[in-house]
């Protein structure tokens, strides 16, 4: 017997929990749709947002490389910008590529 599970979906309520950073100052509905389009449900979206990854495609790229949100929540000074923040934030912000971010999650620095 084949079991069908509903497609992953992120709700506006999840986006609103994280404020303007999560919706990038735009429509929370559009942000929720972007996370849904990236294949994330509410629970996984919340984990990525808690890691400070505010860009669904960046989260998808890291997830596809086997990076968990908790790994991407590691703080680093690496990458552009000369500031300290999470790997997830720096990937979402374009200061690290997803590949660089994934490599840093494996680093002991």
N, C-alpha and C. Protein backbone atom coordinates (compact mmCIF):
# COMPACT_ATOMS: atom_id res chain seq x y z
N UNK A 1 0.84 -1.18 0.00
CA UNK A 1 0.00 0.00 0.00
C UNK A 1 0.89 1.24 0.00
N UNK A 2 0.66 2.09 -0.95
CA UNK A 2 1.44 3.32 -1.07
C UNK A 2 0.86 4.38 -0.15
N UNK A 3 1.75 5.04 0.60
CA UNK A 3 1.33 6.09 1.52
C UNK A 3 1.68 7.43 0.90
N UNK A 4 0.69 8.28 0.83
CA UNK A 4 0.90 9.62 0.29
C UNK A 4 0.96 10.62 1.42
N UNK A 5 2.02 11.42 1.42
CA UNK A 5 2.15 12.46 2.42
C UNK A 5 1.91 13.80 1.74
N UNK A 6 1.31 14.73 2.45
CA UNK A 6 1.09 16.03 1.84
C UNK A 6 2.42 16.72 1.55
N UNK A 7 2.42 17.55 0.54
CA UNK A 7 3.63 18.30 0.19
C UNK A 7 4.00 19.24 1.33
N UNK A 8 5.29 19.46 1.49
CA UNK A 8 5.77 20.38 2.52
C UNK A 8 5.20 21.77 2.26
N UNK A 9 4.82 22.44 3.34
CA UNK A 9 4.24 23.78 3.21
C UNK A 9 4.66 24.62 4.40
N UNK A 10 5.06 25.85 4.12
CA UNK A 10 5.40 26.81 5.18
C UNK A 10 4.27 27.83 5.27
N UNK A 11 3.81 28.09 6.48
CA UNK A 11 2.71 29.03 6.68
C UNK A 11 3.23 30.44 6.96
N UNK A 12 2.37 31.39 6.75
CA UNK A 12 2.68 32.79 7.04
C UNK A 12 2.98 32.97 8.53
N UNK A 13 2.30 32.22 9.39
CA UNK A 13 2.51 32.33 10.83
C UNK A 13 3.96 32.02 11.20
N UNK A 14 4.55 31.03 10.55
CA UNK A 14 5.96 30.70 10.83
C UNK A 14 6.86 31.86 10.45
N UNK A 15 6.62 32.46 9.30
CA UNK A 15 7.42 33.59 8.85
C UNK A 15 7.27 34.76 9.82
N UNK A 16 6.05 35.04 10.23
CA UNK A 16 5.80 36.17 11.13
C UNK A 16 6.49 36.01 12.48
N UNK A 17 6.70 34.77 12.93
CA UNK A 17 7.39 34.54 14.21
C UNK A 17 8.80 35.13 14.20
N UNK A 18 9.39 35.24 13.02
CA UNK A 18 10.78 35.70 12.92
C UNK A 18 10.89 37.13 12.43
N UNK A 19 9.78 37.80 12.24
CA UNK A 19 9.76 39.23 11.96
C UNK A 19 10.28 39.64 10.59
N UNK A 20 10.75 40.87 10.53
CA UNK A 20 11.15 41.48 9.26
C UNK A 20 12.33 40.79 8.60
N UNK A 21 13.19 40.18 9.39
CA UNK A 21 14.31 39.49 8.76
C UNK A 21 13.82 38.31 7.93
N UNK A 22 12.81 37.62 8.41
CA UNK A 22 12.30 36.45 7.70
C UNK A 22 11.59 36.82 6.41
N UNK A 23 10.89 37.95 6.41
CA UNK A 23 10.19 38.34 5.18
C UNK A 23 10.95 39.41 4.41
N UNK A 24 12.13 39.77 4.90
CA UNK A 24 12.99 40.77 4.26
C UNK A 24 12.26 42.09 4.01
N UNK A 25 11.37 42.43 4.94
CA UNK A 25 10.64 43.68 4.83
C UNK A 25 9.53 43.65 3.79
N UNK A 26 9.22 42.48 3.27
CA UNK A 26 8.19 42.35 2.24
C UNK A 26 6.97 41.63 2.76
N UNK A 27 6.29 41.01 1.85
CA UNK A 27 5.05 40.29 2.15
C UNK A 27 5.37 38.94 2.79
N UNK A 28 4.90 38.69 4.02
CA UNK A 28 5.14 37.40 4.66
C UNK A 28 4.57 36.23 3.85
N UNK A 29 3.49 36.47 3.12
CA UNK A 29 2.92 35.43 2.28
C UNK A 29 3.87 35.02 1.17
N UNK A 30 4.54 35.99 0.58
CA UNK A 30 5.51 35.69 -0.48
C UNK A 30 6.70 34.95 0.09
N UNK A 31 7.13 35.34 1.28
CA UNK A 31 8.25 34.64 1.93
C UNK A 31 7.86 33.20 2.25
N UNK A 32 6.66 33.00 2.76
CA UNK A 32 6.19 31.65 3.07
C UNK A 32 6.13 30.81 1.79
N UNK A 33 5.70 31.40 0.70
CA UNK A 33 5.64 30.67 -0.56
C UNK A 33 7.04 30.31 -1.04
N UNK A 34 8.01 31.20 -0.86
CA UNK A 34 9.39 30.91 -1.26
C UNK A 34 9.93 29.70 -0.50
N UNK A 35 9.65 29.64 0.81
CA UNK A 35 10.09 28.50 1.61
C UNK A 35 9.36 27.23 1.20
N UNK A 36 8.07 27.35 0.90
CA UNK A 36 7.31 26.20 0.42
C UNK A 36 7.88 25.71 -0.91
N UNK A 37 8.16 26.64 -1.83
CA UNK A 37 8.72 26.29 -3.13
C UNK A 37 10.07 25.60 -3.00
N UNK A 38 10.82 25.95 -1.94
CA UNK A 38 12.12 25.33 -1.70
C UNK A 38 11.97 23.95 -1.06
N UNK A 39 10.73 23.57 -0.72
CA UNK A 39 10.48 22.24 -0.20
C UNK A 39 10.53 22.11 1.31
N UNK A 40 10.36 23.23 2.02
CA UNK A 40 10.43 23.20 3.48
C UNK A 40 9.05 23.31 4.11
N UNK A 41 8.85 22.53 5.17
CA UNK A 41 7.62 22.66 5.96
C UNK A 41 7.87 23.64 7.10
N UNK A 42 6.84 23.88 7.90
CA UNK A 42 6.95 24.86 8.99
C UNK A 42 8.10 24.55 9.94
N UNK A 43 8.22 23.29 10.34
CA UNK A 43 9.25 22.92 11.32
C UNK A 43 10.65 23.15 10.78
N UNK A 44 10.89 22.74 9.54
CA UNK A 44 12.24 22.91 8.97
C UNK A 44 12.52 24.37 8.66
N UNK A 45 11.52 25.10 8.19
CA UNK A 45 11.71 26.53 7.96
C UNK A 45 12.08 27.22 9.26
N UNK A 46 11.39 26.90 10.34
CA UNK A 46 11.69 27.50 11.64
C UNK A 46 13.11 27.19 12.08
N UNK A 47 13.58 25.99 11.82
CA UNK A 47 14.96 25.63 12.19
C UNK A 47 15.97 26.46 11.41
N UNK A 48 15.71 26.67 10.11
CA UNK A 48 16.62 27.48 9.30
C UNK A 48 16.56 28.95 9.71
N UNK A 49 15.36 29.44 9.98
CA UNK A 49 15.24 30.83 10.42
C UNK A 49 15.92 31.04 11.77
N UNK A 50 15.82 30.07 12.67
CA UNK A 50 16.50 30.16 13.96
C UNK A 50 18.02 30.18 13.79
N UNK A 51 18.50 29.55 12.73
CA UNK A 51 19.94 29.56 12.42
C UNK A 51 20.35 30.85 11.71
N UNK A 52 19.38 31.73 11.49
CA UNK A 52 19.58 33.03 10.84
C UNK A 52 19.77 32.93 9.33
N UNK A 53 19.20 31.89 8.73
CA UNK A 53 19.19 31.80 7.28
C UNK A 53 17.84 32.34 6.82
N UNK A 54 17.85 33.53 6.25
CA UNK A 54 16.61 34.20 5.88
C UNK A 54 16.35 34.14 4.38
N UNK A 55 16.99 33.19 3.70
CA UNK A 55 16.83 33.05 2.26
C UNK A 55 16.59 31.57 1.95
N UNK A 56 15.41 31.26 1.45
CA UNK A 56 15.03 29.86 1.20
C UNK A 56 15.96 29.15 0.21
N UNK A 57 16.34 29.78 -0.92
CA UNK A 57 17.25 29.09 -1.83
C UNK A 57 18.62 28.79 -1.19
N UNK A 58 19.10 29.68 -0.34
CA UNK A 58 20.37 29.43 0.36
C UNK A 58 20.22 28.24 1.29
N UNK A 59 19.11 28.17 2.01
CA UNK A 59 18.85 27.04 2.91
C UNK A 59 18.76 25.75 2.10
N UNK A 60 18.07 25.79 0.97
CA UNK A 60 17.94 24.60 0.13
C UNK A 60 19.31 24.14 -0.36
N UNK A 61 20.14 25.10 -0.79
CA UNK A 61 21.47 24.74 -1.29
C UNK A 61 22.30 24.06 -0.20
N UNK A 62 22.25 24.59 1.02
CA UNK A 62 23.00 23.97 2.11
C UNK A 62 22.41 22.62 2.48
N UNK A 63 21.09 22.54 2.54
CA UNK A 63 20.43 21.27 2.88
C UNK A 63 20.78 20.20 1.85
N UNK A 64 20.83 20.57 0.58
CA UNK A 64 21.17 19.62 -0.48
C UNK A 64 22.61 19.12 -0.35
N UNK A 65 23.45 19.87 0.36
CA UNK A 65 24.84 19.45 0.62
C UNK A 65 24.96 18.70 1.94
N UNK A 66 23.81 18.43 2.57
CA UNK A 66 23.82 17.65 3.79
C UNK A 66 24.03 18.45 5.06
N UNK A 67 23.89 19.76 4.97
CA UNK A 67 24.08 20.62 6.15
C UNK A 67 22.75 20.76 6.89
N UNK A 68 22.78 20.52 8.18
CA UNK A 68 21.60 20.72 9.03
C UNK A 68 21.59 22.16 9.52
N UNK A 69 20.40 22.71 9.79
CA UNK A 69 20.33 24.09 10.27
C UNK A 69 21.18 24.32 11.52
N UNK A 70 21.23 23.35 12.40
CA UNK A 70 22.00 23.51 13.63
C UNK A 70 23.50 23.60 13.34
N UNK A 71 23.97 22.92 12.31
CA UNK A 71 25.37 23.04 11.90
C UNK A 71 25.62 24.43 11.32
N UNK A 72 24.68 24.92 10.53
CA UNK A 72 24.82 26.22 9.89
C UNK A 72 24.66 27.37 10.89
N UNK A 73 24.23 27.07 12.10
CA UNK A 73 24.08 28.11 13.13
C UNK A 73 25.40 28.44 13.81
N UNK A 74 26.47 27.75 13.44
CA UNK A 74 27.80 28.04 13.98
C UNK A 74 28.22 29.43 13.54
N UNK A 75 28.76 30.18 14.47
CA UNK A 75 29.19 31.54 14.16
C UNK A 75 30.59 31.53 13.56
N UNK A 76 30.83 32.45 12.61
CA UNK A 76 32.12 32.54 11.93
C UNK A 76 32.43 33.98 11.55
N UNK A 77 33.71 34.25 11.42
CA UNK A 77 34.17 35.53 10.90
C UNK A 77 34.55 35.37 9.42
N UNK A 78 34.63 34.13 8.96
CA UNK A 78 35.03 33.84 7.57
C UNK A 78 34.07 34.49 6.58
N UNK A 79 34.54 34.63 5.37
CA UNK A 79 33.71 35.19 4.31
C UNK A 79 33.82 36.69 4.23
N UNK A 80 33.06 37.27 3.35
CA UNK A 80 33.09 38.71 3.16
C UNK A 80 32.40 39.46 4.27
N UNK A 81 32.67 40.74 4.32
CA UNK A 81 31.97 41.61 5.26
C UNK A 81 32.72 41.90 6.55
N UNK A 82 33.65 41.03 6.95
CA UNK A 82 34.43 41.28 8.14
C UNK A 82 33.62 41.33 9.43
N UNK A 83 32.54 40.61 9.52
CA UNK A 83 31.71 40.59 10.71
C UNK A 83 31.51 39.15 11.15
N UNK A 84 31.08 38.97 12.38
CA UNK A 84 30.82 37.64 12.91
C UNK A 84 29.31 37.40 12.91
N UNK A 85 28.91 36.31 12.30
CA UNK A 85 27.51 35.89 12.32
C UNK A 85 27.48 34.40 11.99
N UNK A 86 26.30 33.84 11.88
CA UNK A 86 26.20 32.41 11.61
C UNK A 86 26.58 32.12 10.15
N UNK A 87 27.01 30.90 9.94
CA UNK A 87 27.30 30.45 8.57
C UNK A 87 26.05 30.61 7.72
N UNK A 88 24.91 30.26 8.27
CA UNK A 88 23.64 30.36 7.53
C UNK A 88 23.38 31.79 7.09
N UNK A 89 23.60 32.74 7.99
CA UNK A 89 23.36 34.14 7.66
C UNK A 89 24.31 34.60 6.55
N UNK A 90 25.58 34.20 6.67
CA UNK A 90 26.56 34.64 5.67
C UNK A 90 26.27 34.04 4.29
N UNK A 91 25.78 32.80 4.26
CA UNK A 91 25.40 32.20 2.97
C UNK A 91 24.18 32.93 2.42
N UNK A 92 23.18 33.16 3.26
CA UNK A 92 21.97 33.86 2.83
C UNK A 92 22.27 35.27 2.36
N UNK A 93 23.29 35.88 2.96
CA UNK A 93 23.66 37.26 2.65
C UNK A 93 24.61 37.36 1.46
N UNK A 94 25.11 36.21 0.99
CA UNK A 94 26.03 36.20 -0.15
C UNK A 94 27.48 36.41 0.23
N UNK A 95 27.80 36.38 1.52
CA UNK A 95 29.18 36.57 1.96
C UNK A 95 29.97 35.25 1.98
N UNK A 96 29.28 34.14 1.87
CA UNK A 96 29.86 32.81 1.67
C UNK A 96 28.98 32.10 0.64
N UNK A 97 29.58 31.25 -0.18
CA UNK A 97 28.77 30.41 -1.05
C UNK A 97 28.24 29.25 -0.22
N UNK A 98 27.26 28.56 -0.74
CA UNK A 98 26.73 27.40 -0.02
C UNK A 98 27.83 26.35 0.16
N UNK A 99 28.67 26.18 -0.83
CA UNK A 99 29.76 25.22 -0.74
C UNK A 99 30.75 25.63 0.35
N UNK A 100 31.10 26.92 0.40
CA UNK A 100 32.00 27.40 1.45
C UNK A 100 31.36 27.22 2.83
N UNK A 101 30.07 27.51 2.92
CA UNK A 101 29.36 27.34 4.18
C UNK A 101 29.36 25.89 4.62
N UNK A 102 29.11 24.98 3.68
CA UNK A 102 29.09 23.55 4.00
C UNK A 102 30.48 23.12 4.49
N UNK A 103 31.53 23.60 3.85
CA UNK A 103 32.90 23.25 4.26
C UNK A 103 33.17 23.76 5.67
N UNK A 104 32.67 24.93 6.01
CA UNK A 104 32.91 25.48 7.33
C UNK A 104 32.16 24.75 8.43
N UNK A 105 31.04 24.12 8.08
CA UNK A 105 30.32 23.34 9.10
C UNK A 105 31.12 22.11 9.49
N UNK A 106 32.03 21.68 8.63
CA UNK A 106 32.87 20.52 8.92
C UNK A 106 34.18 20.91 9.59
N UNK A 107 34.47 22.22 9.61
CA UNK A 107 35.71 22.72 10.16
C UNK A 107 35.65 22.77 11.68
N UNK A 108 36.79 22.66 12.32
CA UNK A 108 36.84 22.73 13.79
C UNK A 108 37.23 24.12 14.26
N UNK A 109 37.26 25.10 13.35
CA UNK A 109 37.65 26.46 13.73
C UNK A 109 36.63 27.11 14.61
